[in-house]
Amino acid sequence: MSAVIFALVAGGVIGVALGALGGGGSVLAVPALIYLLGFTPVAATTASLITVAVTSATALLAHARDGQVRWRTGLLFAAAGIGPAMLGGALAGRLPTALLTVAFAALAATAAFRMLRRRPIVEGSVQIRPGRAVAVGAGLGAVTGVLGVGGGFLAVPALVNVLGMRMRAAVGTSLLVITVNSVAALGLRAGTATGLNWAVIGPFAGAAVLGAWDGKRLAAKMPGPALQRVFAVVLFAVAAFMLVDAVV
């Protein structure tokens, strides 16, 4: 029963972050699954991808209703990441557990740093560089496949700075990119996803879906920078804990 309660609470927090920020919450999914719910790192990344895919698709619908999703641009950006996401998903099961933990700690710290960093507001159009957009999309897909995260904290600044989107449109479009990459990464894990505890994953994903709707409403009421600072502090704490756990 305690595992189900932990799953509901952790899933809800992750959903709120995804719905409000378009990313960041998925970085909490893997450590929550490992340290609170007893998953192995490989099983946790797979379960995280399932949760992220379902939750991102749900949050995407909410943002699409407000007209804040650039479908064509998002699909083109995501297309570059499909191959790397699938290769990364196949590679994850062959990497040492300690390496996955350290890599994830570094990723969480990077996500926190990006959330604390002030981004310049885009006032005019930014020239799109197709080569750079493809490279960023491919890199994002690889991160999604190996570490089981959506990568929204990377997608949002890339969509703003590389493709010149407004912030609200970038958040909505990032959810489309996350959904596509997560499904692609799961494609090569489907045959190896054994031993998953669906009695825990179900409540975890369900709470995340409900949290995504709350996150969308929270984003309209709470200043974005304040929300980002809260999650950045949490991510820094997660990164430090995982790094110490991997070294010790």
C-alpha atoms as a PDB file:
ATOM      1  CA  MET A   1       0.000   0.000   0.000  1.00  0.00           C
ATOM      2  CA  SER A   2       2.852   2.408   0.825  1.00  0.00           C
ATOM      3  CA  ALA A   3       4.308   1.870  -2.662  1.00  0.00           C
ATOM      4  CA  VAL A   4       1.002   2.893  -4.246  1.00  0.00           C
ATOM      5  CA  ILE A   5       0.840   6.026  -2.072  1.00  0.00           C
ATOM      6  CA  PHE A   6       4.404   6.963  -3.023  1.00  0.00           C
ATOM      7  CA  ALA A   7       3.519   6.332  -6.677  1.00  0.00           C
ATOM      8  CA  LEU A   8       0.485   8.624  -6.485  1.00  0.00           C
ATOM      9  CA  VAL A   9       2.375  11.465  -4.798  1.00  0.00           C
ATOM     10  CA  ALA A  10       5.471  11.258  -7.023  1.00  0.00           C
ATOM     11  CA  GLY A  11       3.399  10.885 -10.184  1.00  0.00           C
ATOM     12  CA  GLY A  12       1.338  13.934  -9.271  1.00  0.00           C
ATOM     13  CA  VAL A  13       4.431  16.115  -8.784  1.00  0.00           C
ATOM     14  CA  ILE A  14       5.887  14.990 -12.114  1.00  0.00           C
ATOM     15  CA  GLY A  15       2.631  15.684 -13.914  1.00  0.00           C
ATOM     16  CA  VAL A  16       2.399  19.193 -12.447  1.00  0.00           C
ATOM     17  CA  ALA A  17       5.904  20.018 -13.700  1.00  0.00           C
ATOM     18  CA  LEU A  18       5.225  18.701 -17.189  1.00  0.00           C
ATOM     19  CA  GLY A  19       1.919  20.501 -17.463  1.00  0.00           C
ATOM     20  CA  ALA A  20       3.244  23.802 -16.132  1.00  0.00           C
ATOM     21  CA  LEU A  21       6.737  23.941 -17.631  1.00  0.00           C
ATOM     22  CA  GLY A  22       6.632  21.619 -20.645  1.00  0.00           C
ATOM     23  CA  GLY A  23       9.511  19.695 -19.116  1.00  0.00           C
ATOM     24  CA  GLY A  24      11.516  19.102 -15.950  1.00  0.00           C
ATOM     25  CA  GLY A  25       9.071  16.765 -14.241  1.00  0.00           C
ATOM     26  CA  SER A  26      10.246  13.745 -16.209  1.00  0.00           C
ATOM     27  CA  VAL A  27      13.739  14.190 -14.735  1.00  0.00           C
ATOM     28  CA  LEU A  28      12.182  13.424 -11.351  1.00  0.00           C
ATOM     29  CA  ALA A  29      10.488  10.253 -12.602  1.00  0.00           C
ATOM     30  CA  VAL A  30      13.548   8.003 -12.772  1.00  0.00           C
ATOM     31  CA  PRO A  31      14.940   8.794  -9.272  1.00  0.00           C
ATOM     32  CA  ALA A  32      11.409   8.512  -7.832  1.00  0.00           C
ATOM     33  CA  LEU A  33      11.003   5.066  -9.396  1.00  0.00           C
ATOM     34  CA  ILE A  34      14.438   3.930  -8.177  1.00  0.00           C
ATOM     35  CA  TYR A  35      14.598   5.330  -4.640  1.00  0.00           C
ATOM     36  CA  LEU A  36      10.935   5.467  -3.648  1.00  0.00           C
ATOM     37  CA  LEU A  37       9.461   2.551  -5.568  1.00  0.00           C
ATOM     38  CA  GLY A  38      12.373   0.078  -5.756  1.00  0.00           C
ATOM     39  CA  PHE A  39      12.854  -0.157  -9.545  1.00  0.00           C
ATOM     40  CA  THR A  40      16.235  -0.988 -11.083  1.00  0.00           C
ATOM     41  CA  PRO A  41      17.752   1.849 -13.191  1.00  0.00           C
ATOM     42  CA  VAL A  42      16.928   0.079 -16.483  1.00  0.00           C
ATOM     43  CA  ALA A  43      13.353  -0.747 -15.415  1.00  0.00           C
ATOM     44  CA  ALA A  44      12.967   2.801 -14.069  1.00  0.00           C
ATOM     45  CA  THR A  45      13.940   4.394 -17.386  1.00  0.00           C
ATOM     46  CA  THR A  46      11.438   2.178 -19.208  1.00  0.00           C
ATOM     47  CA  ALA A  47       8.649   2.926 -16.720  1.00  0.00           C
ATOM     48  CA  SER A  48       9.553   6.615 -16.919  1.00  0.00           C
ATOM     49  CA  LEU A  49       9.194   6.582 -20.701  1.00  0.00           C
ATOM     50  CA  ILE A  50       5.727   5.030 -20.380  1.00  0.00           C
ATOM     51  CA  THR A  51       4.690   7.679 -17.863  1.00  0.00           C
ATOM     52  CA  VAL A  52       6.234  10.546 -19.815  1.00  0.00           C
ATOM     53  CA  ALA A  53       4.621   9.462 -23.095  1.00  0.00           C
ATOM     54  CA  VAL A  54       1.126   9.225 -21.593  1.00  0.00           C
ATOM     55  CA  THR A  55       1.442  12.387 -19.507  1.00  0.00           C
ATOM     56  CA  SER A  56       2.975  14.495 -22.284  1.00  0.00           C
ATOM     57  CA  ALA A  57       0.249  13.438 -24.713  1.00  0.00           C
ATOM     58  CA  THR A  58      -2.380  14.460 -22.151  1.00  0.00           C
ATOM     59  CA  ALA A  59      -0.736  17.822 -21.436  1.00  0.00           C
ATOM     60  CA  LEU A  60      -0.331  18.341 -25.188  1.00  0.00           C
ATOM     61  CA  LEU A  61      -4.112  18.237 -25.646  1.00  0.00           C
ATOM     62  CA  ALA A  62      -4.575  20.978 -23.038  1.00  0.00           C
ATOM     63  CA  HIS A  63      -2.050  23.262 -24.734  1.00  0.00           C
ATOM     64  CA  ALA A  64      -3.405  22.458 -28.198  1.00  0.00           C
ATOM     65  CA  ARG A  65      -6.870  23.627 -27.128  1.00  0.00           C
ATOM     66  CA  ASP A  66      -5.314  27.032 -26.411  1.00  0.00           C
ATOM     67  CA  GLY A  67      -3.632  27.094 -29.823  1.00  0.00           C
ATOM     68  CA  GLN A  68      -0.151  26.914 -28.318  1.00  0.00           C
ATOM     69  CA  VAL A  69       1.229  23.980 -30.356  1.00  0.00           C
ATOM     70  CA  ARG A  70       3.103  24.468 -33.635  1.00  0.00           C
ATOM     71  CA  TRP A  71       2.361  21.071 -35.126  1.00  0.00           C
ATOM     72  CA  ARG A  72       4.402  21.187 -38.325  1.00  0.00           C
ATOM     73  CA  THR A  73       7.524  22.629 -36.717  1.00  0.00           C
ATOM     74  CA  GLY A  74       7.264  20.294 -33.733  1.00  0.00           C
ATOM     75  CA  LEU A  75       6.904  17.196 -35.898  1.00  0.00           C
ATOM     76  CA  LEU A  76       9.891  18.189 -38.044  1.00  0.00           C
ATOM     77  CA  PHE A  77      11.982  18.815 -34.921  1.00  0.00           C
ATOM     78  CA  ALA A  78      10.867  15.519 -33.387  1.00  0.00           C
ATOM     79  CA  ALA A  79      11.503  13.556 -36.597  1.00  0.00           C
ATOM     80  CA  ALA A  80      15.234  14.212 -36.254  1.00  0.00           C
ATOM     81  CA  GLY A  81      15.187  12.560 -32.840  1.00  0.00           C
ATOM     82  CA  ILE A  82      13.250   9.387 -33.663  1.00  0.00           C
ATOM     83  CA  GLY A  83      16.264   7.350 -34.857  1.00  0.00           C
ATOM     84  CA  PRO A  84      18.561   8.398 -31.988  1.00  0.00           C
ATOM     85  CA  ALA A  85      15.751   7.802 -29.477  1.00  0.00           C
ATOM     86  CA  MET A  86      15.280   4.241 -30.716  1.00  0.00           C
ATOM     87  CA  LEU A  87      19.032   3.541 -30.718  1.00  0.00           C
ATOM     88  CA  GLY A  88      19.370   5.049 -27.253  1.00  0.00           C
ATOM     89  CA  GLY A  89      16.523   2.877 -25.998  1.00  0.00           C
ATOM     90  CA  ALA A  90      18.317  -0.233 -27.266  1.00  0.00           C
ATOM     91  CA  LEU A  91      21.636   0.897 -25.771  1.00  0.00           C
ATOM     92  CA  ALA A  92      20.293   1.659 -22.286  1.00  0.00           C
ATOM     93  CA  GLY A  93      19.959  -1.988 -21.271  1.00  0.00           C
ATOM     94  CA  ARG A  94      23.642  -2.610 -22.066  1.00  0.00           C
ATOM     95  CA  LEU A  95      25.085   0.238 -19.982  1.00  0.00           C
ATOM     96  CA  PRO A  96      26.423  -0.268 -16.421  1.00  0.00           C
ATOM     97  CA  THR A  97      24.049   0.763 -13.653  1.00  0.00           C
ATOM     98  CA  ALA A  98      26.592   3.148 -12.096  1.00  0.00           C
ATOM     99  CA  LEU A  99      27.132   4.911 -15.423  1.00  0.00           C
ATOM    100  CA  LEU A 100      23.390   5.414 -15.889  1.00  0.00           C
ATOM    101  CA  THR A 101      23.103   6.831 -12.359  1.00  0.00           C
ATOM    102  CA  VAL A 102      25.994   9.289 -12.796  1.00  0.00           C
ATOM    103  CA  ALA A 103      24.739  10.356 -16.225  1.00  0.00           C
ATOM    104  CA  PHE A 104      21.298  10.934 -14.833  1.00  0.00           C
ATOM    105  CA  ALA A 105      22.663  12.989 -11.922  1.00  0.00           C
ATOM    106  CA  ALA A 106      24.548  15.184 -14.394  1.00  0.00           C
ATOM    107  CA  LEU A 107      21.390  15.565 -16.484  1.00  0.00           C
ATOM    108  CA  ALA A 108      19.313  16.574 -13.461  1.00  0.00           C
ATOM    109  CA  ALA A 109      21.901  19.207 -12.500  1.00  0.00           C
ATOM    110  CA  THR A 110      21.898  20.527 -16.071  1.00  0.00           C
ATOM    111  CA  ALA A 111      18.106  20.742 -16.032  1.00  0.00           C
ATOM    112  CA  ALA A 112      18.182  22.665 -12.742  1.00  0.00           C
ATOM    113  CA  PHE A 113      20.802  25.082 -14.056  1.00  0.00           C
ATOM    114  CA  ARG A 114      18.762  25.778 -17.188  1.00  0.00           C
ATOM    115  CA  MET A 115      15.648  26.421 -15.119  1.00  0.00           C
ATOM    116  CA  LEU A 116      17.470  28.973 -12.943  1.00  0.00           C
ATOM    117  CA  ARG A 117      19.090  30.712 -15.873  1.00  0.00           C
ATOM    118  CA  ARG A 118      17.249  33.734 -17.229  1.00  0.00           C
ATOM    119  CA  ARG A 119      16.408  33.351 -20.907  1.00  0.00           C
ATOM    120  CA  PRO A 120      16.213  36.403 -23.152  1.00  0.00           C
ATOM    121  CA  ILE A 121      12.703  37.161 -24.387  1.00  0.00           C
ATOM    122  CA  VAL A 122      12.369  36.753 -28.129  1.00  0.00           C
ATOM    123  CA  GLU A 123      10.882  39.936 -29.568  1.00  0.00           C
ATOM    124  CA  GLY A 124      11.310  39.332 -33.257  1.00  0.00           C
ATOM    125  CA  SER A 125      11.772  36.425 -35.599  1.00  0.00           C
ATOM    126  CA  VAL A 126      14.897  34.321 -35.312  1.00  0.00           C
ATOM    127  CA  GLN A 127      16.530  32.867 -38.398  1.00  0.00           C
ATOM    128  CA  ILE A 128      16.048  29.117 -38.394  1.00  0.00           C
ATOM    129  CA  ARG A 129      19.172  27.071 -39.049  1.00  0.00           C
ATOM    130  CA  PRO A 130      17.990  23.682 -40.344  1.00  0.00           C
ATOM    131  CA  GLY A 131      21.290  21.935 -39.636  1.00  0.00           C
ATOM    132  CA  ARG A 132      21.370  23.123 -36.046  1.00  0.00           C
ATOM    133  CA  ALA A 133      17.700  22.265 -35.559  1.00  0.00           C
ATOM    134  CA  VAL A 134      18.305  18.714 -36.806  1.00  0.00           C
ATOM    135  CA  ALA A 135      21.380  18.328 -34.575  1.00  0.00           C
ATOM    136  CA  VAL A 136      19.510  19.542 -31.487  1.00  0.00           C
ATOM    137  CA  GLY A 137      16.522  17.320 -32.288  1.00  0.00           C
ATOM    138  CA  ALA A 138      18.771  14.280 -32.734  1.00  0.00           C
ATOM    139  CA  GLY A 139      20.616  14.964 -29.482  1.00  0.00           C
ATOM    140  CA  LEU A 140      17.351  15.339 -27.622  1.00  0.00           C
ATOM    141  CA  GLY A 141      16.141  12.017 -29.013  1.00  0.00           C
ATOM    142  CA  ALA A 142      19.313  10.264 -27.872  1.00  0.00           C
ATOM    143  CA  VAL A 143      18.945  11.632 -24.335  1.00  0.00           C
ATOM    144  CA  THR A 144      15.318  10.491 -24.269  1.00  0.00           C
ATOM    145  CA  GLY A 145      16.207   6.975 -25.401  1.00  0.00           C
ATOM    146  CA  VAL A 146      19.129   6.333 -23.052  1.00  0.00           C
ATOM    147  CA  LEU A 147      17.968   8.009 -19.849  1.00  0.00           C
ATOM    148  CA  GLY A 148      14.194   7.670 -20.161  1.00  0.00           C
ATOM    149  CA  VAL A 149      13.377  11.375 -19.899  1.00  0.00           C
ATOM    150  CA  GLY A 150      11.350  13.536 -22.241  1.00  0.00           C
ATOM    151  CA  GLY A 151      13.939  16.282 -22.470  1.00  0.00           C
ATOM    152  CA  GLY A 152      11.489  19.170 -22.330  1.00  0.00           C
ATOM    153  CA  PHE A 153      13.980  21.253 -20.344  1.00  0.00           C
ATOM    154  CA  LEU A 154      16.247  21.018 -23.408  1.00  0.00           C
ATOM    155  CA  ALA A 155      13.478  21.225 -26.022  1.00  0.00           C
ATOM    156  CA  VAL A 156      11.919  24.454 -24.729  1.00  0.00           C
ATOM    157  CA  PRO A 157      15.077  26.627 -24.946  1.00  0.00           C
ATOM    158  CA  ALA A 158      15.960  25.003 -28.285  1.00  0.00           C
ATOM    159  CA  LEU A 159      12.544  25.845 -29.735  1.00  0.00           C
ATOM    160  CA  VAL A 160      12.848  29.411 -28.444  1.00  0.00           C
ATOM    161  CA  ASN A 161      16.455  30.104 -29.429  1.00  0.00           C
ATOM    162  CA  VAL A 162      16.883  27.898 -32.511  1.00  0.00           C
ATOM    163  CA  LEU A 163      13.424  28.114 -34.050  1.00  0.00           C
ATOM    164  CA  GLY A 164      12.378  31.509 -32.702  1.00  0.00           C
ATOM    165  CA  MET A 165       9.153  30.479 -30.938  1.00  0.00           C
ATOM    166  CA  ARG A 166       7.423  32.440 -28.217  1.00  0.00           C
ATOM    167  CA  MET A 167       7.723  30.869 -24.793  1.00  0.00           C
ATOM    168  CA  ARG A 168       4.115  29.638 -24.482  1.00  0.00           C
ATOM    169  CA  ALA A 169       4.195  28.085 -27.950  1.00  0.00           C
ATOM    170  CA  ALA A 170       7.560  26.472 -27.163  1.00  0.00           C
ATOM    171  CA  VAL A 171       6.140  24.845 -24.015  1.00  0.00           C
ATOM    172  CA  GLY A 172       3.180  23.398 -25.933  1.00  0.00           C
ATOM    173  CA  THR A 173       5.291  22.287 -28.898  1.00  0.00           C
ATOM    174  CA  SER A 174       7.888  20.686 -26.615  1.00  0.00           C
ATOM    175  CA  LEU A 175       5.176  18.355 -25.340  1.00  0.00           C
ATOM    176  CA  LEU A 176       4.652  17.147 -28.911  1.00  0.00           C
ATOM    177  CA  VAL A 177       8.396  16.527 -29.286  1.00  0.00           C
ATOM    178  CA  ILE A 178       8.534  14.709 -25.934  1.00  0.00           C
ATOM    179  CA  THR A 179       5.598  12.471 -26.857  1.00  0.00           C
ATOM    180  CA  VAL A 180       7.099  11.464 -30.211  1.00  0.00           C
ATOM    181  CA  ASN A 181      10.570  10.797 -28.755  1.00  0.00           C
ATOM    182  CA  SER A 182       9.203   8.808 -25.815  1.00  0.00           C
ATOM    183  CA  VAL A 183       7.083   6.563 -28.044  1.00  0.00           C
ATOM    184  CA  ALA A 184      10.056   6.022 -30.387  1.00  0.00           C
ATOM    185  CA  ALA A 185      12.332   5.058 -27.478  1.00  0.00           C
ATOM    186  CA  LEU A 186       9.703   2.646 -26.173  1.00  0.00           C
ATOM    187  CA  GLY A 187       9.526   1.019 -29.595  1.00  0.00           C
ATOM    188  CA  LEU A 188      12.813  -0.836 -29.107  1.00  0.00           C
ATOM    189  CA  ARG A 189      12.213  -1.506 -25.412  1.00  0.00           C
ATOM    190  CA  ALA A 190       8.869  -3.242 -25.908  1.00  0.00           C
ATOM    191  CA  GLY A 191      10.425  -6.699 -26.226  1.00  0.00           C
ATOM    192  CA  THR A 192      12.779  -6.213 -23.277  1.00  0.00           C
ATOM    193  CA  ALA A 193      10.395  -4.518 -20.835  1.00  0.00           C
ATOM    194  CA  THR A 194      10.132  -7.506 -18.522  1.00  0.00           C
ATOM    195  CA  GLY A 195       9.619  -7.511 -14.773  1.00  0.00           C
ATOM    196  CA  LEU A 196       7.828  -4.166 -14.680  1.00  0.00           C
ATOM    197  CA  ASN A 197       5.531  -3.670 -11.704  1.00  0.00           C
ATOM    198  CA  TRP A 198       2.361  -2.502 -13.428  1.00  0.00           C
ATOM    199  CA  ALA A 199       0.517  -2.286 -10.105  1.00  0.00           C
ATOM    200  CA  VAL A 200       2.838   0.635  -9.302  1.00  0.00           C
ATOM    201  CA  ILE A 201       3.292   2.070 -12.811  1.00  0.00           C
ATOM    202  CA  GLY A 202      -0.484   2.367 -13.276  1.00  0.00           C
ATOM    203  CA  PRO A 203      -1.110   4.696 -10.273  1.00  0.00           C
ATOM    204  CA  PHE A 204       2.162   6.508 -10.995  1.00  0.00           C
ATOM    205  CA  ALA A 205       1.178   7.312 -14.587  1.00  0.00           C
ATOM    206  CA  GLY A 206      -2.435   8.032 -13.654  1.00  0.00           C
ATOM    207  CA  ALA A 207      -1.444  10.575 -11.001  1.00  0.00           C
ATOM    208  CA  ALA A 208       0.983  12.174 -13.466  1.00  0.00           C
ATOM    209  CA  VAL A 209      -1.806  12.586 -16.043  1.00  0.00           C
ATOM    210  CA  LEU A 210      -4.080  14.279 -13.482  1.00  0.00           C
ATOM    211  CA  GLY A 211      -1.169  16.417 -12.291  1.00  0.00           C
ATOM    212  CA  ALA A 212      -0.516  17.606 -15.844  1.00  0.00           C
ATOM    213  CA  TRP A 213      -3.964  19.221 -15.980  1.00  0.00           C
ATOM    214  CA  ASP A 214      -3.345  20.871 -12.607  1.00  0.00           C
ATOM    215  CA  GLY A 215       0.043  22.040 -13.847  1.00  0.00           C
ATOM    216  CA  LYS A 216      -1.545  23.700 -16.849  1.00  0.00           C
ATOM    217  CA  ARG A 217      -3.887  25.637 -14.525  1.00  0.00           C
ATOM    218  CA  LEU A 218      -1.040  26.432 -12.117  1.00  0.00           C
ATOM    219  CA  ALA A 219       1.014  27.913 -14.945  1.00  0.00           C
ATOM    220  CA  ALA A 220      -1.759  30.443 -15.565  1.00  0.00           C
ATOM    221  CA  LYS A 221      -1.790  31.559 -11.911  1.00  0.00           C
ATOM    222  CA  MET A 222       1.801  31.345 -10.679  1.00  0.00           C
ATOM    223  CA  PRO A 223       4.699  33.298 -12.235  1.00  0.00           C
ATOM    224  CA  GLY A 224       6.785  31.040 -14.451  1.00  0.00           C
ATOM    225  CA  PRO A 225      10.165  32.039 -12.937  1.00  0.00           C
ATOM    226  CA  ALA A 226       8.949  31.247  -9.417  1.00  0.00           C
ATOM    227  CA  LEU A 227       7.695  27.821 -10.505  1.00  0.00           C
ATOM    228  CA  GLN A 228      10.986  27.096 -12.263  1.00  0.00           C
ATOM    229  CA  ARG A 229      13.019  28.032  -9.173  1.00  0.00           C
ATOM    230  CA  VAL A 230      11.071  25.594  -7.004  1.00  0.00           C
ATOM    231  CA  PHE A 231      11.662  22.686  -9.372  1.00  0.00           C
ATOM    232  CA  ALA A 232      15.304  23.699  -9.904  1.00  0.00           C
ATOM    233  CA  VAL A 233      16.011  23.380  -6.181  1.00  0.00           C
ATOM    234  CA  VAL A 234      14.370  19.941  -6.141  1.00  0.00           C
ATOM    235  CA  LEU A 235      16.412  18.833  -9.158  1.00  0.00           C
ATOM    236  CA  PHE A 236      19.691  19.991  -7.611  1.00  0.00           C
ATOM    237  CA  ALA A 237      18.872  17.953  -4.495  1.00  0.00           C
ATOM    238  CA  VAL A 238      18.051  14.886  -6.623  1.00  0.00           C
ATOM    239  CA  ALA A 239      21.285  15.245  -8.610  1.00  0.00           C
ATOM    240  CA  ALA A 240      23.401  15.488  -5.442  1.00  0.00           C
ATOM    241  CA  PHE A 241      21.705  12.482  -3.844  1.00  0.00           C
ATOM    242  CA  MET A 242      22.123  10.286  -6.940  1.00  0.00           C
ATOM    243  CA  LEU A 243      25.767  11.275  -7.390  1.00  0.00           C
ATOM    244  CA  VAL A 244      26.583  10.453  -3.773  1.00  0.00           C
ATOM    245  CA  ASP A 245      24.715   7.162  -4.081  1.00  0.00           C
ATOM    246  CA  ALA A 246      26.651   6.208  -7.231  1.00  0.00           C
ATOM    247  CA  VAL A 247      30.053   7.094  -5.756  1.00  0.00           C
ATOM    248  CA  VAL A 248      29.476   5.609  -2.294  1.00  0.00           C
END
